[in-house]
Amino acid sequence: MNNWYESSIKSLVEEYFKKHGFSVVFDSSEFWDVFIEKYHKQIPNSQIALFDQIATEARSYAFNKKYGTYSYLTDYRSVCRNWNHIILGEIQKILGKDLSSKKVLALGANNGSELAIIFEDFFKSMDFDVVEISETACFSGRSLYPHINFVCASMDEVELTENEFDVFISLRAAYCAGNNLDFIVNKAIHSVKPGGVIIFSISNGYIDISDGKYTPIKGLYNPENQHCDETETERNINWMKSAMLANGCSEVSLVDAESEILLISKR
């Protein structure tokens, strides 16, 4: 039995390119546009338009296959009893206890289930916009949660309204698979009203099912060396924090939410 996390966006992107006649190596630690530009220099000009089309399709294919029908039953959060209460509590520290009528922008929130779990009693009275690259997840989310506005797009390319939201939240997603963190953080800050909350998080655990048992493993999976540990978690925390501080966040707090590490800033 294979572990879900071992089927990486990296391997799925490379698989799609190969099926369509291009041999590429996708370094998931570099931004997607950097990856594209690198290969523009290696292929004939006559193939660039086709390459760009395949690249767009490959990214969509990879996220659809990995996250389109994502199962939360084998998610590390299933063994973390307080992850959602910790996140909600951090938001309430800044915005107050009553979150009714607050507006939330969530990037990479899959079908919206994590938002329903986090915001609990306030969920139906709040406004949500979700930007999610997986068409399958968006389709599922629109059926499950009709009051959420789903936008199917890459989070580093979508256009966002400025000064509109009380909460920006992107959990276990922004640092993945070549997303341009500088673009994302800049969009996040400008989308939130003054006094609003900006939260990113980095995964810090998986459920290993390779031996037929459900075994929690602490850390983050690195598709480059195919190993899972907390060194990789720390590397991505530092990467995310640096991007936040470099793009307008005056201060970033780190909070352990059991399943993930939160990076929190106030506009």
C-alpha atoms as a PDB file:
ATOM      1  CA  MET A   1       0.000   0.000   0.000  1.00  0.00           C
ATOM      2  CA  ASN A   2       1.431   3.381  -1.042  1.00  0.00           C
ATOM      3  CA  ASN A   3       1.395   6.534   1.029  1.00  0.00           C
ATOM      4  CA  TRP A   4      -0.603   9.446  -0.416  1.00  0.00           C
ATOM      5  CA  TYR A   5       2.184  11.945   0.223  1.00  0.00           C
ATOM      6  CA  GLU A   6       4.704   9.962  -1.845  1.00  0.00           C
ATOM      7  CA  SER A   7       2.725  10.775  -4.988  1.00  0.00           C
ATOM      8  CA  SER A   8       4.199  14.256  -5.217  1.00  0.00           C
ATOM      9  CA  ILE A   9       3.196  17.189  -7.399  1.00  0.00           C
ATOM     10  CA  LYS A  10       6.770  17.007  -8.711  1.00  0.00           C
ATOM     11  CA  SER A  11       6.385  13.428  -9.966  1.00  0.00           C
ATOM     12  CA  LEU A  12       2.906  14.051 -11.393  1.00  0.00           C
ATOM     13  CA  VAL A  13       4.043  17.158 -13.297  1.00  0.00           C
ATOM     14  CA  GLU A  14       7.007  15.260 -14.742  1.00  0.00           C
ATOM     15  CA  GLU A  15       4.726  12.341 -15.639  1.00  0.00           C
ATOM     16  CA  TYR A  16       2.347  14.602 -17.600  1.00  0.00           C
ATOM     17  CA  PHE A  17       5.160  16.305 -19.504  1.00  0.00           C
ATOM     18  CA  LYS A  18       6.660  12.929 -20.419  1.00  0.00           C
ATOM     19  CA  LYS A  19       3.322  11.690 -21.788  1.00  0.00           C
ATOM     20  CA  HIS A  20       3.258  14.737 -24.049  1.00  0.00           C
ATOM     21  CA  GLY A  21       6.778  14.470 -25.391  1.00  0.00           C
ATOM     22  CA  PHE A  22       8.821  16.650 -23.032  1.00  0.00           C
ATOM     23  CA  SER A  23      11.428  15.324 -20.619  1.00  0.00           C
ATOM     24  CA  VAL A  24      11.662  17.737 -17.670  1.00  0.00           C
ATOM     25  CA  VAL A  25      12.887  17.752 -14.088  1.00  0.00           C
ATOM     26  CA  PHE A  26      10.699  19.915 -11.867  1.00  0.00           C
ATOM     27  CA  ASP A  27      12.558  21.228  -8.834  1.00  0.00           C
ATOM     28  CA  SER A  28       9.667  21.919  -6.446  1.00  0.00           C
ATOM     29  CA  SER A  29      11.850  24.282  -4.405  1.00  0.00           C
ATOM     30  CA  GLU A  30      11.933  26.815  -7.253  1.00  0.00           C
ATOM     31  CA  PHE A  31       9.085  29.025  -8.432  1.00  0.00           C
ATOM     32  CA  TRP A  32       6.935  27.738 -11.298  1.00  0.00           C
ATOM     33  CA  ASP A  33       7.712  30.701 -13.566  1.00  0.00           C
ATOM     34  CA  VAL A  34      11.454  30.145 -13.004  1.00  0.00           C
ATOM     35  CA  PHE A  35      11.016  26.503 -14.011  1.00  0.00           C
ATOM     36  CA  ILE A  36       9.161  27.543 -17.192  1.00  0.00           C
ATOM     37  CA  GLU A  37      11.746  30.167 -18.167  1.00  0.00           C
ATOM     38  CA  LYS A  38      14.588  27.681 -17.670  1.00  0.00           C
ATOM     39  CA  TYR A  39      13.089  25.289 -20.212  1.00  0.00           C
ATOM     40  CA  HIS A  40      12.256  28.106 -22.639  1.00  0.00           C
ATOM     41  CA  LYS A  41      16.024  28.484 -23.041  1.00  0.00           C
ATOM     42  CA  GLN A  42      16.465  24.769 -23.761  1.00  0.00           C
ATOM     43  CA  ILE A  43      13.824  24.165 -26.439  1.00  0.00           C
ATOM     44  CA  PRO A  44      13.344  25.566 -29.971  1.00  0.00           C
ATOM     45  CA  ASN A  45      11.235  28.742 -30.239  1.00  0.00           C
ATOM     46  CA  SER A  46       8.735  26.810 -32.338  1.00  0.00           C
ATOM     47  CA  GLN A  47       7.951  24.577 -29.338  1.00  0.00           C
ATOM     48  CA  ILE A  48       7.542  27.259 -26.668  1.00  0.00           C
ATOM     49  CA  ALA A  49       3.803  27.799 -27.176  1.00  0.00           C
ATOM     50  CA  LEU A  50       3.148  24.048 -26.990  1.00  0.00           C
ATOM     51  CA  PHE A  51       5.416  23.718 -23.953  1.00  0.00           C
ATOM     52  CA  ASP A  52       3.509  26.490 -22.138  1.00  0.00           C
ATOM     53  CA  GLN A  53       0.192  24.824 -22.916  1.00  0.00           C
ATOM     54  CA  ILE A  54       1.450  21.476 -21.609  1.00  0.00           C
ATOM     55  CA  ALA A  55       2.844  23.227 -18.514  1.00  0.00           C
ATOM     56  CA  THR A  56      -0.549  24.719 -17.645  1.00  0.00           C
ATOM     57  CA  GLU A  57      -2.235  21.371 -18.215  1.00  0.00           C
ATOM     58  CA  ALA A  58       0.450  19.534 -16.204  1.00  0.00           C
ATOM     59  CA  ARG A  59      -0.003  21.748 -13.165  1.00  0.00           C
ATOM     60  CA  SER A  60      -3.788  21.337 -13.282  1.00  0.00           C
ATOM     61  CA  TYR A  61      -3.468  17.567 -13.836  1.00  0.00           C
ATOM     62  CA  ALA A  62      -1.089  17.149 -10.895  1.00  0.00           C
ATOM     63  CA  PHE A  63      -3.270  19.024  -8.404  1.00  0.00           C
ATOM     64  CA  ASN A  64      -6.439  17.340  -9.638  1.00  0.00           C
ATOM     65  CA  LYS A  65      -4.925  13.882  -9.279  1.00  0.00           C
ATOM     66  CA  LYS A  66      -3.391  14.479  -5.854  1.00  0.00           C
ATOM     67  CA  TYR A  67      -6.003  16.702  -4.214  1.00  0.00           C
ATOM     68  CA  GLY A  68      -9.189  16.383  -6.289  1.00  0.00           C
ATOM     69  CA  THR A  69     -10.604  13.538  -4.197  1.00  0.00           C
ATOM     70  CA  TYR A  70      -8.426  14.078  -1.143  1.00  0.00           C
ATOM     71  CA  SER A  71      -9.343  11.880   1.814  1.00  0.00           C
ATOM     72  CA  TYR A  72      -9.239  13.518   5.217  1.00  0.00           C
ATOM     73  CA  LEU A  73      -9.530  10.071   6.836  1.00  0.00           C
ATOM     74  CA  THR A  74      -5.769   9.555   6.437  1.00  0.00           C
ATOM     75  CA  ASP A  75      -4.892  13.204   7.051  1.00  0.00           C
ATOM     76  CA  TYR A  76      -2.526  13.891   9.963  1.00  0.00           C
ATOM     77  CA  ARG A  77      -5.161  16.240  11.389  1.00  0.00           C
ATOM     78  CA  SER A  78      -7.256  13.164  12.206  1.00  0.00           C
ATOM     79  CA  VAL A  79      -4.868  12.389  15.100  1.00  0.00           C
ATOM     80  CA  CYS A  80      -4.528  16.029  16.213  1.00  0.00           C
ATOM     81  CA  ARG A  81      -7.474  16.828  18.471  1.00  0.00           C
ATOM     82  CA  ASN A  82      -7.047  20.594  18.782  1.00  0.00           C
ATOM     83  CA  TRP A  83      -5.640  21.816  15.455  1.00  0.00           C
ATOM     84  CA  ASN A  84      -8.845  23.616  14.426  1.00  0.00           C
ATOM     85  CA  HIS A  85      -9.430  25.156  17.875  1.00  0.00           C
ATOM     86  CA  ILE A  86      -5.871  26.496  17.902  1.00  0.00           C
ATOM     87  CA  ILE A  87      -6.324  28.170  14.518  1.00  0.00           C
ATOM     88  CA  LEU A  88      -9.708  29.617  15.474  1.00  0.00           C
ATOM     89  CA  GLY A  89      -8.288  30.878  18.774  1.00  0.00           C
ATOM     90  CA  GLU A  90      -5.430  32.702  17.041  1.00  0.00           C
ATOM     91  CA  ILE A  91      -7.882  34.446  14.713  1.00  0.00           C
ATOM     92  CA  GLN A  92     -10.120  35.436  17.626  1.00  0.00           C
ATOM     93  CA  LYS A  93      -7.147  36.916  19.505  1.00  0.00           C
ATOM     94  CA  ILE A  94      -6.911  39.500  16.728  1.00  0.00           C
ATOM     95  CA  LEU A  95     -10.517  39.934  15.546  1.00  0.00           C
ATOM     96  CA  GLY A  96     -12.441  39.191  18.748  1.00  0.00           C
ATOM     97  CA  LYS A  97     -14.638  36.285  19.759  1.00  0.00           C
ATOM     98  CA  ASP A  98     -17.577  37.010  17.447  1.00  0.00           C
ATOM     99  CA  LEU A  99     -16.655  36.206  13.848  1.00  0.00           C
ATOM    100  CA  SER A 100     -20.183  36.512  12.441  1.00  0.00           C
ATOM    101  CA  SER A 101     -20.277  38.306   9.067  1.00  0.00           C
ATOM    102  CA  LYS A 102     -16.489  38.286   8.749  1.00  0.00           C
ATOM    103  CA  LYS A 103     -15.071  37.794   5.252  1.00  0.00           C
ATOM    104  CA  VAL A 104     -12.474  35.085   4.647  1.00  0.00           C
ATOM    105  CA  LEU A 105     -10.192  34.492   1.675  1.00  0.00           C
ATOM    106  CA  ALA A 106      -8.704  30.993   1.604  1.00  0.00           C
ATOM    107  CA  LEU A 107      -6.055  29.936  -0.898  1.00  0.00           C
ATOM    108  CA  GLY A 108      -5.609  26.223  -1.533  1.00  0.00           C
ATOM    109  CA  ALA A 109      -8.526  25.174   0.702  1.00  0.00           C
ATOM    110  CA  ASN A 110      -9.540  22.183  -1.434  1.00  0.00           C
ATOM    111  CA  ASN A 111     -13.336  21.628  -1.165  1.00  0.00           C
ATOM    112  CA  GLY A 112     -13.750  23.934   1.834  1.00  0.00           C
ATOM    113  CA  SER A 113     -14.101  21.216   4.471  1.00  0.00           C
ATOM    114  CA  GLU A 114     -11.233  22.563   6.578  1.00  0.00           C
ATOM    115  CA  LEU A 115     -12.999  25.946   6.775  1.00  0.00           C
ATOM    116  CA  ALA A 116     -16.204  24.336   8.042  1.00  0.00           C
ATOM    117  CA  ILE A 117     -14.183  22.555  10.738  1.00  0.00           C
ATOM    118  CA  ILE A 118     -12.155  25.604  11.785  1.00  0.00           C
ATOM    119  CA  PHE A 119     -14.943  28.180  11.939  1.00  0.00           C
ATOM    120  CA  GLU A 120     -17.589  25.786  13.333  1.00  0.00           C
ATOM    121  CA  ASP A 121     -20.536  27.765  14.754  1.00  0.00           C
ATOM    122  CA  PHE A 122     -19.687  30.895  12.723  1.00  0.00           C
ATOM    123  CA  PHE A 123     -19.342  29.080   9.407  1.00  0.00           C
ATOM    124  CA  LYS A 124     -22.816  29.695   7.957  1.00  0.00           C
ATOM    125  CA  SER A 125     -22.847  33.367   8.949  1.00  0.00           C
ATOM    126  CA  MET A 126     -19.478  34.180   7.350  1.00  0.00           C
ATOM    127  CA  ASP A 127     -18.524  34.991   3.750  1.00  0.00           C
ATOM    128  CA  PHE A 128     -15.899  32.812   2.083  1.00  0.00           C
ATOM    129  CA  ASP A 129     -13.938  33.032  -1.144  1.00  0.00           C
ATOM    130  CA  VAL A 130     -11.807  29.982  -1.933  1.00  0.00           C
ATOM    131  CA  VAL A 131      -9.102  29.958  -4.594  1.00  0.00           C
ATOM    132  CA  GLU A 132      -8.307  26.348  -5.482  1.00  0.00           C
ATOM    133  CA  ILE A 133      -6.425  24.999  -8.503  1.00  0.00           C
ATOM    134  CA  SER A 134      -8.112  21.566  -8.516  1.00  0.00           C
ATOM    135  CA  GLU A 135     -11.263  21.635 -10.668  1.00  0.00           C
ATOM    136  CA  THR A 136     -12.465  18.411  -9.040  1.00  0.00           C
ATOM    137  CA  ALA A 137     -12.140  19.899  -5.544  1.00  0.00           C
ATOM    138  CA  CYS A 138     -13.970  23.073  -6.618  1.00  0.00           C
ATOM    139  CA  PHE A 139     -16.811  21.030  -8.114  1.00  0.00           C
ATOM    140  CA  SER A 140     -17.120  19.033  -4.890  1.00  0.00           C
ATOM    141  CA  GLY A 141     -16.960  22.185  -2.759  1.00  0.00           C
ATOM    142  CA  ARG A 142     -19.725  23.964  -4.675  1.00  0.00           C
ATOM    143  CA  SER A 143     -21.983  21.001  -3.987  1.00  0.00           C
ATOM    144  CA  LEU A 144     -21.044  20.671  -0.311  1.00  0.00           C
ATOM    145  CA  TYR A 145     -21.008  24.372   0.565  1.00  0.00           C
ATOM    146  CA  PRO A 146     -23.187  26.460  -1.796  1.00  0.00           C
ATOM    147  CA  HIS A 147     -22.494  29.673   0.137  1.00  0.00           C
ATOM    148  CA  ILE A 148     -18.739  29.514  -0.581  1.00  0.00           C
ATOM    149  CA  ASN A 149     -17.531  31.267  -3.724  1.00  0.00           C
ATOM    150  CA  PHE A 150     -15.014  28.933  -5.397  1.00  0.00           C
ATOM    151  CA  VAL A 151     -12.510  30.308  -7.918  1.00  0.00           C
ATOM    152  CA  CYS A 152     -10.612  27.626  -9.819  1.00  0.00           C
ATOM    153  CA  ALA A 153      -7.162  29.141 -10.378  1.00  0.00           C
ATOM    154  CA  SER A 154      -3.528  28.999  -9.329  1.00  0.00           C
ATOM    155  CA  MET A 155      -3.048  30.985  -6.136  1.00  0.00           C
ATOM    156  CA  ASP A 156      -0.012  32.879  -7.406  1.00  0.00           C
ATOM    157  CA  GLU A 157      -1.775  34.005 -10.606  1.00  0.00           C
ATOM    158  CA  VAL A 158      -5.305  34.912  -9.445  1.00  0.00           C
ATOM    159  CA  GLU A 159      -6.315  38.571  -9.257  1.00  0.00           C
ATOM    160  CA  LEU A 160      -7.642  39.609  -5.828  1.00  0.00           C
ATOM    161  CA  THR A 161      -9.627  42.595  -4.604  1.00  0.00           C
ATOM    162  CA  GLU A 162      -7.732  44.867  -2.213  1.00  0.00           C
ATOM    163  CA  ASN A 163      -8.829  45.685   1.376  1.00  0.00           C
ATOM    164  CA  GLU A 164     -11.821  43.347   1.251  1.00  0.00           C
ATOM    165  CA  PHE A 165     -11.242  40.502   3.705  1.00  0.00           C
ATOM    166  CA  ASP A 166     -10.956  40.214   7.477  1.00  0.00           C
ATOM    167  CA  VAL A 167      -9.018  36.949   7.279  1.00  0.00           C
ATOM    168  CA  PHE A 168      -6.559  35.594   4.742  1.00  0.00           C
ATOM    169  CA  ILE A 169      -5.756  31.927   5.314  1.00  0.00           C
ATOM    170  CA  SER A 170      -3.662  29.453   3.351  1.00  0.00           C
ATOM    171  CA  LEU A 171      -3.030  26.203   5.171  1.00  0.00           C
ATOM    172  CA  ARG A 172      -0.405  23.660   4.116  1.00  0.00           C
ATOM    173  CA  ALA A 173      -0.508  24.953   0.550  1.00  0.00           C
ATOM    174  CA  ALA A 174       1.339  28.159  -0.361  1.00  0.00           C
ATOM    175  CA  TYR A 175       4.859  26.728  -0.172  1.00  0.00           C
ATOM    176  CA  CYS A 176       3.998  23.724  -2.349  1.00  0.00           C
ATOM    177  CA  ALA A 177       4.916  22.905  -5.912  1.00  0.00           C
ATOM    178  CA  GLY A 178       6.536  26.034  -7.214  1.00  0.00           C
ATOM    179  CA  ASN A 179       4.054  28.645  -6.029  1.00  0.00           C
ATOM    180  CA  ASN A 180       5.633  32.103  -6.098  1.00  0.00           C
ATOM    181  CA  LEU A 181       5.622  33.032  -2.406  1.00  0.00           C
ATOM    182  CA  ASP A 182       6.507  36.658  -3.086  1.00  0.00           C
ATOM    183  CA  PHE A 183       3.436  37.079  -5.297  1.00  0.00           C
ATOM    184  CA  ILE A 184       1.188  35.206  -2.872  1.00  0.00           C
ATOM    185  CA  VAL A 185       2.235  37.115   0.257  1.00  0.00           C
ATOM    186  CA  ASN A 186       1.911  40.441  -1.543  1.00  0.00           C
ATOM    187  CA  LYS A 187      -1.595  39.510  -2.715  1.00  0.00           C
ATOM    188  CA  ALA A 188      -2.485  38.291   0.787  1.00  0.00           C
ATOM    189  CA  ILE A 189      -1.484  41.511   2.506  1.00  0.00           C
ATOM    190  CA  HIS A 190      -3.296  43.766   0.058  1.00  0.00           C
ATOM    191  CA  SER A 191      -6.458  41.634   0.083  1.00  0.00           C
ATOM    192  CA  VAL A 192      -6.868  42.052   3.864  1.00  0.00           C
ATOM    193  CA  LYS A 193      -8.324  45.119   5.560  1.00  0.00           C
ATOM    194  CA  PRO A 194      -6.140  47.051   8.023  1.00  0.00           C
ATOM    195  CA  GLY A 195      -6.313  45.167  11.323  1.00  0.00           C
ATOM    196  CA  GLY A 196      -7.067  41.893   9.540  1.00  0.00           C
ATOM    197  CA  VAL A 197      -5.373  38.515   9.986  1.00  0.00           C
ATOM    198  CA  ILE A 198      -2.944  36.761   7.640  1.00  0.00           C
ATOM    199  CA  ILE A 199      -2.245  33.085   8.326  1.00  0.00           C
ATOM    200  CA  PHE A 200      -0.084  30.622   6.424  1.00  0.00           C
ATOM    201  CA  SER A 201       0.811  27.163   7.683  1.00  0.00           C
ATOM    202  CA  ILE A 202       3.409  24.484   7.018  1.00  0.00           C
ATOM    203  CA  SER A 203       2.526  20.794   7.335  1.00  0.00           C
ATOM    204  CA  ASN A 204       4.216  18.956  10.172  1.00  0.00           C
ATOM    205  CA  GLY A 205       3.062  15.358   9.922  1.00  0.00           C
ATOM    206  CA  TYR A 206       1.573  12.548   7.848  1.00  0.00           C
ATOM    207  CA  ILE A 207      -0.116   9.212   8.366  1.00  0.00           C
ATOM    208  CA  ASP A 208       2.042   6.331   7.102  1.00  0.00           C
ATOM    209  CA  ILE A 209      -0.092   3.467   5.765  1.00  0.00           C
ATOM    210  CA  SER A 210       2.641   1.567   3.877  1.00  0.00           C
ATOM    211  CA  ASP A 211       2.480  -1.449   6.219  1.00  0.00           C
ATOM    212  CA  GLY A 212      -1.313  -1.512   6.338  1.00  0.00           C
ATOM    213  CA  LYS A 213      -1.374   0.322   9.671  1.00  0.00           C
ATOM    214  CA  TYR A 214      -2.060   3.994  10.389  1.00  0.00           C
ATOM    215  CA  THR A 215       1.217   5.314  11.821  1.00  0.00           C
ATOM    216  CA  PRO A 216       1.638   9.069  12.495  1.00  0.00           C
ATOM    217  CA  ILE A 217       4.984  10.488  11.343  1.00  0.00           C
ATOM    218  CA  LYS A 218       6.144  13.944  12.424  1.00  0.00           C
ATOM    219  CA  GLY A 219       7.678  16.216   9.816  1.00  0.00           C
ATOM    220  CA  LEU A 220       7.329  17.207   6.174  1.00  0.00           C
ATOM    221  CA  TYR A 221       7.905  15.027   3.113  1.00  0.00           C
ATOM    222  CA  ASN A 222      10.682  16.054   0.721  1.00  0.00           C
ATOM    223  CA  PRO A 223      10.033  14.669  -2.791  1.00  0.00           C
ATOM    224  CA  GLU A 224      13.660  15.318  -3.748  1.00  0.00           C
ATOM    225  CA  ASN A 225      15.114  12.819  -1.254  1.00  0.00           C
ATOM    226  CA  GLN A 226      11.825  10.954  -0.581  1.00  0.00           C
ATOM    227  CA  HIS A 227      12.220  11.377   3.159  1.00  0.00           C
ATOM    228  CA  CYS A 228       9.945  12.802   5.841  1.00  0.00           C
ATOM    229  CA  ASP A 229      11.324  14.687   8.848  1.00  0.00           C
ATOM    230  CA  GLU A 230      11.133  17.939  10.817  1.00  0.00           C
ATOM    231  CA  THR A 231      14.257  19.335   9.140  1.00  0.00           C
ATOM    232  CA  GLU A 232      12.148  19.822   6.030  1.00  0.00           C
ATOM    233  CA  THR A 233       9.406  21.435   8.118  1.00  0.00           C
ATOM    234  CA  GLU A 234      11.922  23.936   9.509  1.00  0.00           C
ATOM    235  CA  ARG A 235      13.325  24.713   6.067  1.00  0.00           C
ATOM    236  CA  ASN A 236       9.866  25.587   4.734  1.00  0.00           C
ATOM    237  CA  ILE A 237       8.965  27.603   7.844  1.00  0.00           C
ATOM    238  CA  ASN A 238      12.059  29.747   7.290  1.00  0.00           C
ATOM    239  CA  TRP A 239      11.265  30.101   3.579  1.00  0.00           C
ATOM    240  CA  MET A 240       7.673  31.140   4.284  1.00  0.00           C
ATOM    241  CA  LYS A 241       8.624  33.528   7.094  1.00  0.00           C
ATOM    242  CA  SER A 242      11.286  35.201   4.966  1.00  0.00           C
ATOM    243  CA  ALA A 243       8.767  35.724   2.157  1.00  0.00           C
ATOM    244  CA  MET A 244       6.252  37.232   4.582  1.00  0.00           C
ATOM    245  CA  LEU A 245       8.772  39.657   6.098  1.00  0.00           C
ATOM    246  CA  ALA A 246      10.166  40.606   2.692  1.00  0.00           C
ATOM    247  CA  ASN A 247       6.750  41.395   1.244  1.00  0.00           C
ATOM    248  CA  GLY A 248       5.109  43.621   3.809  1.00  0.00           C
ATOM    249  CA  CYS A 249       4.438  41.694   7.023  1.00  0.00           C
ATOM    250  CA  SER A 250       5.983  43.742   9.815  1.00  0.00           C
ATOM    251  CA  GLU A 251       5.946  40.860  12.284  1.00  0.00           C
ATOM    252  CA  VAL A 252       5.376  37.094  12.038  1.00  0.00           C
ATOM    253  CA  SER A 253       4.412  34.856  14.978  1.00  0.00           C
ATOM    254  CA  LEU A 254       4.915  31.091  14.932  1.00  0.00           C
ATOM    255  CA  VAL A 255       2.320  28.856  16.607  1.00  0.00           C
ATOM    256  CA  ASP A 256       2.336  25.058  16.807  1.00  0.00           C
ATOM    257  CA  ALA A 257      -1.141  23.876  15.825  1.00  0.00           C
ATOM    258  CA  GLU A 258      -0.221  20.180  16.239  1.00  0.00           C
ATOM    259  CA  SER A 259      -0.870  19.192  12.620  1.00  0.00           C
ATOM    260  CA  GLU A 260       1.006  22.183  11.242  1.00  0.00           C
ATOM    261  CA  ILE A 261       3.004  25.266  12.151  1.00  0.00           C
ATOM    262  CA  LEU A 262       1.113  28.551  11.788  1.00  0.00           C
ATOM    263  CA  LEU A 263       2.771  31.755  10.597  1.00  0.00           C
ATOM    264  CA  ILE A 264       0.573  34.640  11.699  1.00  0.00           C
ATOM    265  CA  SER A 265       0.684  38.332  10.913  1.00  0.00           C
ATOM    266  CA  LYS A 266      -1.664  41.267  11.424  1.00  0.00           C
ATOM    267  CA  ARG A 267      -2.076  43.915   8.798  1.00  0.00           C
END
